[in-house]
Amino acid sequence: MKKIINTCNAPAPIGPYNQAVLVNNTLYTSGQIAINPVTGNLVIDNIKNETTQVMENLKAVLEAADLDFSNVIKSSIFISNMDNFSSINEVYGNYFNDTYAPARETVQVARLPKDVNVEISVIAIS
């Protein structure tokens, strides 16, 4: 059975999708960008702050499904410039430890929604 997950603690979708879908014990999140859910503004003043906002948005979606980062088994990171990889990785690493870090890929893309620098999605299990 499919359950739609939405929370006001993460940005509302900007298209015809939901923040996450829970199927059985697996949560599939949509990609999160650095929109502050309170103000609706983009947080793109620097890559570390941008990545932190993305991770906080993912945290809110996970929490809405009664999960946290220890439940994440796979993440996908899309970045507009591979030169930002180490800064993104540094912030991302603050949300995981070596014991439960998920599998992941990081891909440089030509462009992201709203011309942001990073978008991240995760798959988690309960």
N, C-alpha and C. Protein backbone atom coordinates (compact mmCIF):
# COMPACT_ATOMS: atom_id res chain seq x y z
N MET A 1 0.84 -1.18 0.00
CA MET A 1 0.00 0.00 0.00
C MET A 1 0.88 1.25 0.00
N LYS A 2 0.50 2.23 -0.76
CA LYS A 2 1.26 3.47 -0.91
C LYS A 2 0.68 4.54 0.01
N LYS A 3 1.57 5.19 0.80
CA LYS A 3 1.16 6.27 1.68
C LYS A 3 1.96 7.52 1.31
N ILE A 4 1.28 8.62 1.09
CA ILE A 4 1.92 9.88 0.75
C ILE A 4 2.38 10.57 2.03
N ILE A 5 3.62 11.05 2.02
CA ILE A 5 4.19 11.74 3.17
C ILE A 5 4.40 13.21 2.78
N ASN A 6 3.82 14.10 3.55
CA ASN A 6 4.00 15.54 3.37
C ASN A 6 4.11 16.20 4.74
N THR A 7 4.94 17.22 4.84
CA THR A 7 5.09 17.96 6.08
C THR A 7 5.27 19.44 5.77
N CYS A 8 4.77 20.28 6.63
CA CYS A 8 4.97 21.73 6.46
C CYS A 8 6.38 22.14 6.91
N ASN A 9 7.14 21.19 7.50
CA ASN A 9 8.49 21.48 7.95
C ASN A 9 9.54 21.34 6.84
N ALA A 10 9.07 21.01 5.64
CA ALA A 10 9.93 20.97 4.45
C ALA A 10 9.20 21.73 3.36
N PRO A 11 9.91 22.17 2.34
CA PRO A 11 9.26 22.96 1.29
C PRO A 11 8.16 22.18 0.58
N ALA A 12 7.10 22.89 0.24
CA ALA A 12 6.03 22.28 -0.55
C ALA A 12 6.57 21.95 -1.93
N PRO A 13 6.08 20.88 -2.54
CA PRO A 13 6.52 20.55 -3.90
C PRO A 13 6.27 21.70 -4.87
N ILE A 14 7.16 21.83 -5.85
CA ILE A 14 7.01 22.89 -6.85
C ILE A 14 6.52 22.31 -8.18
N GLY A 15 5.92 21.14 -8.11
CA GLY A 15 5.40 20.47 -9.30
C GLY A 15 4.44 19.37 -8.89
N PRO A 16 4.05 18.52 -9.84
CA PRO A 16 3.09 17.45 -9.55
C PRO A 16 3.75 16.21 -8.92
N TYR A 17 4.20 16.37 -7.69
CA TYR A 17 4.82 15.28 -6.94
C TYR A 17 4.62 15.53 -5.45
N ASN A 18 4.95 14.55 -4.63
CA ASN A 18 4.88 14.68 -3.18
C ASN A 18 6.28 14.66 -2.60
N GLN A 19 6.38 15.08 -1.35
CA GLN A 19 7.69 15.11 -0.69
C GLN A 19 8.27 13.71 -0.55
N ALA A 20 7.40 12.73 -0.31
CA ALA A 20 7.87 11.35 -0.18
C ALA A 20 6.69 10.40 -0.34
N VAL A 21 7.04 9.16 -0.65
CA VAL A 21 6.05 8.09 -0.75
C VAL A 21 6.58 6.91 0.06
N LEU A 22 5.74 6.40 0.94
CA LEU A 22 6.08 5.24 1.75
C LEU A 22 5.35 4.03 1.18
N VAL A 23 6.10 3.00 0.83
CA VAL A 23 5.53 1.75 0.33
C VAL A 23 6.06 0.63 1.20
N ASN A 24 5.14 -0.06 1.88
CA ASN A 24 5.52 -1.08 2.86
C ASN A 24 6.47 -0.43 3.87
N ASN A 25 7.70 -0.87 3.94
CA ASN A 25 8.63 -0.28 4.92
C ASN A 25 9.71 0.57 4.24
N THR A 26 9.47 0.99 3.00
CA THR A 26 10.47 1.76 2.26
C THR A 26 9.95 3.15 1.92
N LEU A 27 10.74 4.16 2.27
CA LEU A 27 10.40 5.55 2.00
C LEU A 27 11.26 6.06 0.84
N TYR A 28 10.61 6.63 -0.16
CA TYR A 28 11.28 7.23 -1.30
C TYR A 28 11.02 8.73 -1.24
N THR A 29 12.08 9.52 -1.04
CA THR A 29 11.87 10.96 -0.99
C THR A 29 12.09 11.57 -2.36
N SER A 30 11.40 12.66 -2.60
CA SER A 30 11.69 13.47 -3.77
C SER A 30 12.96 14.24 -3.48
N GLY A 31 13.61 14.71 -4.52
CA GLY A 31 14.81 15.51 -4.34
C GLY A 31 14.48 16.80 -3.60
N GLN A 32 15.33 17.13 -2.66
CA GLN A 32 15.16 18.36 -1.90
C GLN A 32 16.21 19.37 -2.34
N ILE A 33 15.76 20.61 -2.48
CA ILE A 33 16.67 21.72 -2.74
C ILE A 33 16.60 22.66 -1.55
N ALA A 34 17.39 23.71 -1.58
CA ALA A 34 17.57 24.57 -0.40
C ALA A 34 16.51 25.66 -0.30
N ILE A 35 15.27 25.27 -0.24
CA ILE A 35 14.19 26.22 0.02
C ILE A 35 13.90 26.18 1.51
N ASN A 36 13.94 27.34 2.15
CA ASN A 36 13.58 27.42 3.56
C ASN A 36 12.07 27.27 3.64
N PRO A 37 11.56 26.26 4.36
CA PRO A 37 10.11 26.03 4.40
C PRO A 37 9.32 27.12 5.12
N VAL A 38 9.97 27.89 5.97
CA VAL A 38 9.30 28.95 6.71
C VAL A 38 9.12 30.19 5.84
N THR A 39 10.20 30.58 5.16
CA THR A 39 10.16 31.81 4.37
C THR A 39 9.83 31.59 2.89
N GLY A 40 10.09 30.37 2.41
CA GLY A 40 9.92 30.09 1.00
C GLY A 40 11.07 30.58 0.15
N ASN A 41 12.09 31.14 0.79
CA ASN A 41 13.25 31.67 0.07
C ASN A 41 14.32 30.61 -0.13
N LEU A 42 15.08 30.76 -1.21
CA LEU A 42 16.23 29.89 -1.44
C LEU A 42 17.37 30.29 -0.51
N VAL A 43 18.09 29.30 -0.01
CA VAL A 43 19.29 29.52 0.81
C VAL A 43 20.47 29.16 -0.09
N ILE A 44 20.98 30.15 -0.80
CA ILE A 44 22.07 29.89 -1.74
C ILE A 44 23.23 30.88 -1.56
N ASP A 45 23.38 31.41 -0.32
CA ASP A 45 24.45 32.37 -0.07
C ASP A 45 25.82 31.72 -0.12
N ASN A 46 25.93 30.45 0.30
CA ASN A 46 27.16 29.68 0.13
C ASN A 46 26.81 28.20 0.12
N ILE A 47 27.68 27.39 -0.43
CA ILE A 47 27.36 25.98 -0.67
C ILE A 47 27.14 25.20 0.62
N LYS A 48 27.84 25.54 1.69
CA LYS A 48 27.65 24.82 2.95
C LYS A 48 26.27 25.13 3.55
N ASN A 49 25.87 26.39 3.54
CA ASN A 49 24.53 26.73 4.03
C ASN A 49 23.45 26.11 3.15
N GLU A 50 23.69 26.10 1.86
CA GLU A 50 22.73 25.51 0.93
C GLU A 50 22.57 24.02 1.21
N THR A 51 23.68 23.32 1.37
CA THR A 51 23.63 21.89 1.64
C THR A 51 22.98 21.61 2.99
N THR A 52 23.26 22.44 3.98
CA THR A 52 22.63 22.27 5.29
C THR A 52 21.12 22.38 5.18
N GLN A 53 20.63 23.36 4.42
CA GLN A 53 19.18 23.51 4.25
C GLN A 53 18.59 22.29 3.55
N VAL A 54 19.28 21.77 2.55
CA VAL A 54 18.82 20.56 1.86
C VAL A 54 18.71 19.40 2.86
N MET A 55 19.74 19.21 3.67
CA MET A 55 19.75 18.11 4.62
C MET A 55 18.68 18.30 5.70
N GLU A 56 18.45 19.52 6.14
CA GLU A 56 17.40 19.79 7.12
C GLU A 56 16.02 19.52 6.51
N ASN A 57 15.85 19.81 5.24
CA ASN A 57 14.58 19.50 4.56
C ASN A 57 14.38 17.99 4.50
N LEU A 58 15.44 17.26 4.16
CA LEU A 58 15.34 15.80 4.14
C LEU A 58 15.05 15.26 5.54
N LYS A 59 15.69 15.82 6.55
CA LYS A 59 15.44 15.41 7.94
C LYS A 59 13.97 15.57 8.29
N ALA A 60 13.37 16.69 7.89
CA ALA A 60 11.95 16.93 8.18
C ALA A 60 11.05 15.91 7.48
N VAL A 61 11.38 15.57 6.26
CA VAL A 61 10.58 14.58 5.52
C VAL A 61 10.73 13.21 6.18
N LEU A 62 11.95 12.84 6.54
CA LEU A 62 12.17 11.58 7.24
C LEU A 62 11.38 11.53 8.55
N GLU A 63 11.44 12.61 9.32
CA GLU A 63 10.73 12.66 10.59
C GLU A 63 9.22 12.56 10.40
N ALA A 64 8.70 13.09 9.32
CA ALA A 64 7.26 12.99 9.04
C ALA A 64 6.84 11.54 8.82
N ALA A 65 7.79 10.70 8.46
CA ALA A 65 7.54 9.27 8.28
C ALA A 65 8.04 8.46 9.48
N ASP A 66 8.34 9.14 10.58
CA ASP A 66 8.87 8.52 11.80
C ASP A 66 10.19 7.80 11.56
N LEU A 67 11.04 8.40 10.74
CA LEU A 67 12.36 7.86 10.44
C LEU A 67 13.41 8.93 10.69
N ASP A 68 14.68 8.54 10.58
CA ASP A 68 15.78 9.49 10.66
C ASP A 68 16.90 9.03 9.74
N PHE A 69 18.02 9.72 9.76
CA PHE A 69 19.10 9.40 8.83
C PHE A 69 19.69 8.01 9.04
N SER A 70 19.52 7.42 10.21
CA SER A 70 20.03 6.06 10.41
C SER A 70 19.23 5.04 9.59
N ASN A 71 18.04 5.42 9.12
CA ASN A 71 17.21 4.54 8.30
C ASN A 71 17.54 4.63 6.81
N VAL A 72 18.34 5.61 6.42
CA VAL A 72 18.63 5.84 5.01
C VAL A 72 19.57 4.75 4.48
N ILE A 73 19.18 4.15 3.35
CA ILE A 73 20.01 3.10 2.75
C ILE A 73 20.65 3.55 1.43
N LYS A 74 20.12 4.61 0.83
CA LYS A 74 20.63 5.07 -0.46
C LYS A 74 20.37 6.56 -0.60
N SER A 75 21.34 7.28 -1.09
CA SER A 75 21.13 8.69 -1.39
C SER A 75 21.66 9.00 -2.78
N SER A 76 21.05 10.00 -3.39
CA SER A 76 21.48 10.48 -4.70
C SER A 76 21.73 11.98 -4.58
N ILE A 77 22.91 12.39 -4.96
CA ILE A 77 23.28 13.80 -4.88
C ILE A 77 23.55 14.31 -6.28
N PHE A 78 22.87 15.39 -6.62
CA PHE A 78 23.06 16.04 -7.91
C PHE A 78 23.63 17.42 -7.65
N ILE A 79 24.76 17.72 -8.28
CA ILE A 79 25.40 19.01 -8.06
C ILE A 79 25.68 19.67 -9.41
N SER A 80 25.69 21.00 -9.39
CA SER A 80 25.91 21.74 -10.63
C SER A 80 27.38 21.98 -10.92
N ASN A 81 28.24 21.76 -9.92
CA ASN A 81 29.67 22.02 -10.10
C ASN A 81 30.46 21.06 -9.20
N MET A 82 31.23 20.17 -9.80
CA MET A 82 31.99 19.19 -9.03
C MET A 82 33.02 19.85 -8.12
N ASP A 83 33.35 21.11 -8.37
CA ASP A 83 34.27 21.82 -7.48
C ASP A 83 33.67 22.00 -6.08
N ASN A 84 32.35 21.88 -5.95
CA ASN A 84 31.68 21.99 -4.65
C ASN A 84 31.60 20.66 -3.90
N PHE A 85 32.10 19.60 -4.51
CA PHE A 85 31.96 18.26 -3.94
C PHE A 85 32.44 18.18 -2.49
N SER A 86 33.65 18.66 -2.21
CA SER A 86 34.19 18.49 -0.85
C SER A 86 33.38 19.26 0.19
N SER A 87 32.90 20.45 -0.14
CA SER A 87 32.08 21.22 0.82
C SER A 87 30.74 20.54 1.05
N ILE A 88 30.12 20.05 -0.01
CA ILE A 88 28.85 19.33 0.11
C ILE A 88 29.06 18.07 0.93
N ASN A 89 30.13 17.35 0.64
CA ASN A 89 30.42 16.10 1.34
C ASN A 89 30.67 16.35 2.83
N GLU A 90 31.32 17.45 3.15
CA GLU A 90 31.59 17.78 4.55
C GLU A 90 30.28 17.97 5.33
N VAL A 91 29.36 18.74 4.77
CA VAL A 91 28.07 18.96 5.44
C VAL A 91 27.27 17.67 5.47
N TYR A 92 27.18 16.99 4.35
CA TYR A 92 26.45 15.72 4.25
C TYR A 92 26.93 14.74 5.33
N GLY A 93 28.25 14.66 5.49
CA GLY A 93 28.84 13.74 6.46
C GLY A 93 28.45 14.02 7.90
N ASN A 94 28.02 15.24 8.20
CA ASN A 94 27.57 15.57 9.56
C ASN A 94 26.25 14.88 9.91
N TYR A 95 25.54 14.38 8.93
CA TYR A 95 24.24 13.75 9.17
C TYR A 95 24.32 12.23 9.22
N PHE A 96 25.49 11.68 8.96
CA PHE A 96 25.69 10.23 8.97
C PHE A 96 26.97 9.90 9.72
N ASN A 97 27.07 8.66 10.18
CA ASN A 97 28.35 8.20 10.69
C ASN A 97 28.74 6.94 9.91
N ASP A 98 29.97 6.50 10.07
CA ASP A 98 30.46 5.36 9.29
C ASP A 98 29.66 4.09 9.54
N THR A 99 29.03 3.99 10.69
CA THR A 99 28.27 2.79 11.03
C THR A 99 27.04 2.63 10.15
N TYR A 100 26.35 3.72 9.84
CA TYR A 100 25.11 3.59 9.07
C TYR A 100 25.06 4.48 7.82
N ALA A 101 26.21 4.91 7.34
CA ALA A 101 26.23 5.72 6.11
C ALA A 101 25.64 4.89 4.96
N PRO A 102 24.79 5.51 4.14
CA PRO A 102 24.15 4.77 3.06
C PRO A 102 25.04 4.63 1.83
N ALA A 103 24.58 3.82 0.90
CA ALA A 103 25.18 3.82 -0.44
C ALA A 103 24.77 5.14 -1.09
N ARG A 104 25.56 5.59 -2.06
CA ARG A 104 25.19 6.86 -2.71
C ARG A 104 25.94 7.04 -4.01
N GLU A 105 25.41 7.95 -4.82
CA GLU A 105 26.14 8.45 -5.96
C GLU A 105 26.06 9.96 -5.94
N THR A 106 27.08 10.59 -6.53
CA THR A 106 27.10 12.03 -6.68
C THR A 106 27.37 12.31 -8.15
N VAL A 107 26.49 13.08 -8.76
CA VAL A 107 26.56 13.31 -10.19
C VAL A 107 26.51 14.81 -10.47
N GLN A 108 27.42 15.27 -11.33
CA GLN A 108 27.34 16.66 -11.78
C GLN A 108 26.35 16.72 -12.94
N VAL A 109 25.45 17.71 -12.85
CA VAL A 109 24.43 17.89 -13.88
C VAL A 109 24.54 19.30 -14.45
N ALA A 110 23.94 19.51 -15.62
CA ALA A 110 24.03 20.80 -16.28
C ALA A 110 23.24 21.88 -15.55
N ARG A 111 22.10 21.51 -14.99
CA ARG A 111 21.25 22.51 -14.34
C ARG A 111 20.28 21.82 -13.40
N LEU A 112 19.93 22.52 -12.32
CA LEU A 112 18.99 22.01 -11.33
C LEU A 112 17.81 22.98 -11.21
N PRO A 113 16.68 22.51 -10.64
CA PRO A 113 15.53 23.40 -10.48
C PRO A 113 15.90 24.69 -9.74
N LYS A 114 15.33 25.79 -10.19
CA LYS A 114 15.56 27.11 -9.60
C LYS A 114 17.03 27.51 -9.59
N ASP A 115 17.82 26.86 -10.44
CA ASP A 115 19.26 27.13 -10.58
C ASP A 115 20.03 26.98 -9.28
N VAL A 116 19.61 26.02 -8.44
CA VAL A 116 20.34 25.74 -7.20
C VAL A 116 21.62 24.99 -7.54
N ASN A 117 22.44 24.77 -6.53
CA ASN A 117 23.74 24.11 -6.71
C ASN A 117 23.74 22.65 -6.30
N VAL A 118 22.73 22.25 -5.51
CA VAL A 118 22.70 20.87 -5.01
C VAL A 118 21.27 20.42 -4.79
N GLU A 119 20.99 19.17 -5.12
CA GLU A 119 19.70 18.52 -4.85
C GLU A 119 20.01 17.10 -4.37
N ILE A 120 19.32 16.69 -3.31
CA ILE A 120 19.57 15.37 -2.74
C ILE A 120 18.24 14.66 -2.49
N SER A 121 18.20 13.37 -2.82
CA SER A 121 17.07 12.52 -2.47
C SER A 121 17.60 11.29 -1.74
N VAL A 122 16.72 10.65 -0.97
CA VAL A 122 17.14 9.45 -0.23
C VAL A 122 16.06 8.38 -0.31
N ILE A 123 16.50 7.16 -0.06
CA ILE A 123 15.61 6.03 0.14
C ILE A 123 15.91 5.51 1.54
N ALA A 124 14.87 5.28 2.34
CA ALA A 124 15.05 4.83 3.71
C ALA A 124 14.12 3.66 4.00
N ILE A 125 14.51 2.85 4.96
CA ILE A 125 13.66 1.72 5.38
C ILE A 125 13.42 1.79 6.88
N SER A 126 12.28 1.24 7.28
CA SER A 126 11.98 1.24 8.71
C SER A 126 12.29 -0.11 9.32
